[in-house]
């Protein structure tokens, strides 16, 4: 499970996520699930950080 934090909205919880990659040239965040199938992609500027740990309430 990964959590993508956004600057202007609520965090996105991706329960089926197994990993992620950030393209250093474009800033694109790609999150994948089973068999490396892409389940989400966020362009540069739409996300702040990604975490495997739930944010503390």
N, C-alpha and C. Protein backbone atom coordinates (compact mmCIF):
# COMPACT_ATOMS: atom_id res chain seq x y z
N UNK A 1 0.84 -1.17 0.00
CA UNK A 1 0.00 0.00 0.00
C UNK A 1 0.89 1.24 0.00
N UNK A 2 0.56 2.18 -0.86
CA UNK A 2 1.26 3.46 -0.92
C UNK A 2 0.26 4.59 -0.78
N UNK A 3 0.74 5.71 -0.29
CA UNK A 3 -0.09 6.90 -0.14
C UNK A 3 0.60 8.02 -0.90
N UNK A 4 -0.14 8.68 -1.78
CA UNK A 4 0.39 9.81 -2.54
C UNK A 4 -0.19 11.08 -1.92
N UNK A 5 0.69 11.94 -1.46
CA UNK A 5 0.27 13.20 -0.84
C UNK A 5 0.24 14.30 -1.89
N UNK A 6 -0.84 15.08 -1.86
CA UNK A 6 -1.03 16.18 -2.80
C UNK A 6 -1.02 17.50 -2.03
N UNK A 7 -0.62 18.57 -2.69
CA UNK A 7 -0.56 19.87 -2.03
C UNK A 7 -1.93 20.52 -1.91
N UNK A 8 -2.84 20.20 -2.82
CA UNK A 8 -4.12 20.90 -2.86
C UNK A 8 -5.34 20.02 -2.62
N UNK A 9 -5.15 18.75 -2.24
CA UNK A 9 -6.29 17.86 -2.01
C UNK A 9 -5.91 16.77 -1.00
N UNK A 10 -6.87 15.93 -0.71
CA UNK A 10 -6.66 14.83 0.23
C UNK A 10 -5.68 13.81 -0.34
N UNK A 11 -5.00 13.06 0.53
CA UNK A 11 -4.07 12.02 0.05
C UNK A 11 -4.82 10.91 -0.69
N UNK A 12 -4.15 10.31 -1.64
CA UNK A 12 -4.70 9.18 -2.39
C UNK A 12 -4.07 7.91 -1.84
N UNK A 13 -4.92 6.99 -1.37
CA UNK A 13 -4.44 5.71 -0.84
C UNK A 13 -4.58 4.66 -1.93
N UNK A 14 -3.48 4.03 -2.27
CA UNK A 14 -3.45 3.01 -3.31
C UNK A 14 -3.16 1.67 -2.65
N UNK A 15 -4.21 0.94 -2.32
CA UNK A 15 -4.09 -0.31 -1.57
C UNK A 15 -3.36 -1.41 -2.34
N UNK A 16 -3.55 -1.46 -3.65
CA UNK A 16 -2.97 -2.54 -4.45
C UNK A 16 -1.58 -2.23 -4.98
N UNK A 17 -1.03 -1.09 -4.62
CA UNK A 17 0.28 -0.69 -5.15
C UNK A 17 1.40 -1.55 -4.57
N UNK A 18 2.34 -1.90 -5.43
CA UNK A 18 3.50 -2.71 -5.03
C UNK A 18 4.81 -1.93 -5.14
N UNK A 19 4.81 -0.84 -5.91
CA UNK A 19 6.02 -0.05 -6.08
C UNK A 19 5.74 1.21 -6.86
N UNK A 20 6.77 2.05 -6.98
CA UNK A 20 6.62 3.29 -7.73
C UNK A 20 7.95 3.70 -8.33
N UNK A 21 7.88 4.65 -9.27
CA UNK A 21 9.07 5.18 -9.93
C UNK A 21 8.82 6.64 -10.23
N UNK A 22 9.85 7.46 -10.07
CA UNK A 22 9.79 8.87 -10.43
C UNK A 22 10.75 9.10 -11.58
N UNK A 23 10.24 9.59 -12.69
CA UNK A 23 11.08 9.93 -13.83
C UNK A 23 11.79 11.24 -13.51
N UNK A 24 13.10 11.20 -13.42
CA UNK A 24 13.87 12.38 -13.00
C UNK A 24 13.80 13.51 -14.02
N UNK A 25 13.63 13.20 -15.28
CA UNK A 25 13.58 14.23 -16.31
C UNK A 25 12.23 14.96 -16.33
N UNK A 26 11.14 14.21 -16.22
CA UNK A 26 9.81 14.81 -16.35
C UNK A 26 9.10 15.00 -15.02
N UNK A 27 9.53 14.32 -13.97
CA UNK A 27 8.87 14.41 -12.68
C UNK A 27 7.62 13.57 -12.57
N UNK A 28 7.37 12.70 -13.54
CA UNK A 28 6.19 11.85 -13.55
C UNK A 28 6.33 10.74 -12.50
N UNK A 29 5.34 10.64 -11.62
CA UNK A 29 5.28 9.57 -10.63
C UNK A 29 4.40 8.46 -11.19
N UNK A 30 4.94 7.26 -11.33
CA UNK A 30 4.19 6.11 -11.81
C UNK A 30 4.13 5.08 -10.70
N UNK A 31 2.92 4.62 -10.39
CA UNK A 31 2.70 3.62 -9.33
C UNK A 31 2.19 2.36 -10.01
N UNK A 32 2.79 1.21 -9.63
CA UNK A 32 2.37 -0.03 -10.25
C UNK A 32 1.90 -1.04 -9.21
N UNK A 33 1.15 -2.02 -9.72
CA UNK A 33 0.63 -3.09 -8.88
C UNK A 33 1.21 -4.42 -9.30
N UNK A 34 0.38 -5.46 -9.23
CA UNK A 34 0.83 -6.81 -9.59
C UNK A 34 1.32 -6.85 -11.03
N UNK A 35 2.36 -7.63 -11.25
CA UNK A 35 2.94 -7.85 -12.58
C UNK A 35 3.38 -6.53 -13.22
N UNK A 36 3.74 -5.55 -12.40
CA UNK A 36 4.25 -4.25 -12.86
C UNK A 36 3.26 -3.52 -13.76
N UNK A 37 1.97 -3.74 -13.54
CA UNK A 37 0.94 -3.06 -14.31
C UNK A 37 0.67 -1.69 -13.69
N UNK A 38 0.72 -0.63 -14.49
CA UNK A 38 0.52 0.73 -13.99
C UNK A 38 -0.90 0.89 -13.48
N UNK A 39 -1.02 1.38 -12.23
CA UNK A 39 -2.35 1.63 -11.67
C UNK A 39 -2.62 3.11 -11.45
N UNK A 40 -1.57 3.94 -11.49
CA UNK A 40 -1.75 5.39 -11.34
C UNK A 40 -0.51 6.10 -11.85
N UNK A 41 -0.73 7.32 -12.36
CA UNK A 41 0.38 8.16 -12.80
C UNK A 41 0.03 9.61 -12.48
N UNK A 42 0.98 10.33 -11.93
CA UNK A 42 0.77 11.72 -11.52
C UNK A 42 1.85 12.60 -12.13
N UNK A 43 1.46 13.61 -12.92
CA UNK A 43 2.45 14.52 -13.50
C UNK A 43 3.12 15.39 -12.43
N UNK A 44 4.26 15.93 -12.78
CA UNK A 44 5.00 16.83 -11.89
C UNK A 44 4.09 17.99 -11.47
N UNK A 45 4.12 18.32 -10.19
CA UNK A 45 3.32 19.42 -9.67
C UNK A 45 1.99 19.00 -9.07
N UNK A 46 1.55 17.76 -9.35
CA UNK A 46 0.28 17.30 -8.79
C UNK A 46 0.47 16.45 -7.54
N UNK A 47 1.71 16.14 -7.20
CA UNK A 47 2.00 15.34 -6.02
C UNK A 47 3.19 15.94 -5.29
N UNK A 48 3.20 15.75 -3.95
CA UNK A 48 4.31 16.25 -3.14
C UNK A 48 5.28 15.13 -2.79
N UNK A 49 4.75 14.03 -2.26
CA UNK A 49 5.60 12.87 -1.96
C UNK A 49 4.75 11.61 -1.89
N UNK A 50 5.42 10.47 -1.91
CA UNK A 50 4.77 9.18 -1.84
C UNK A 50 5.35 8.44 -0.64
N UNK A 51 4.49 7.68 0.05
CA UNK A 51 4.92 7.00 1.26
C UNK A 51 4.29 5.62 1.35
N UNK A 52 5.02 4.69 1.97
CA UNK A 52 4.45 3.37 2.24
C UNK A 52 3.76 3.35 3.59
N UNK A 53 3.89 4.41 4.33
CA UNK A 53 3.36 4.48 5.69
C UNK A 53 2.17 5.42 5.72
N UNK A 54 1.14 5.05 6.46
CA UNK A 54 -0.04 5.90 6.58
C UNK A 54 0.29 7.18 7.34
N UNK A 55 -0.28 8.32 6.91
CA UNK A 55 -0.01 9.56 7.64
C UNK A 55 -0.61 9.51 9.04
N UNK A 56 0.08 10.08 9.99
CA UNK A 56 -0.39 10.07 11.38
C UNK A 56 -1.55 11.03 11.53
N UNK A 57 -2.56 10.61 12.22
CA UNK A 57 -3.77 11.42 12.41
C UNK A 57 -3.71 12.20 13.69
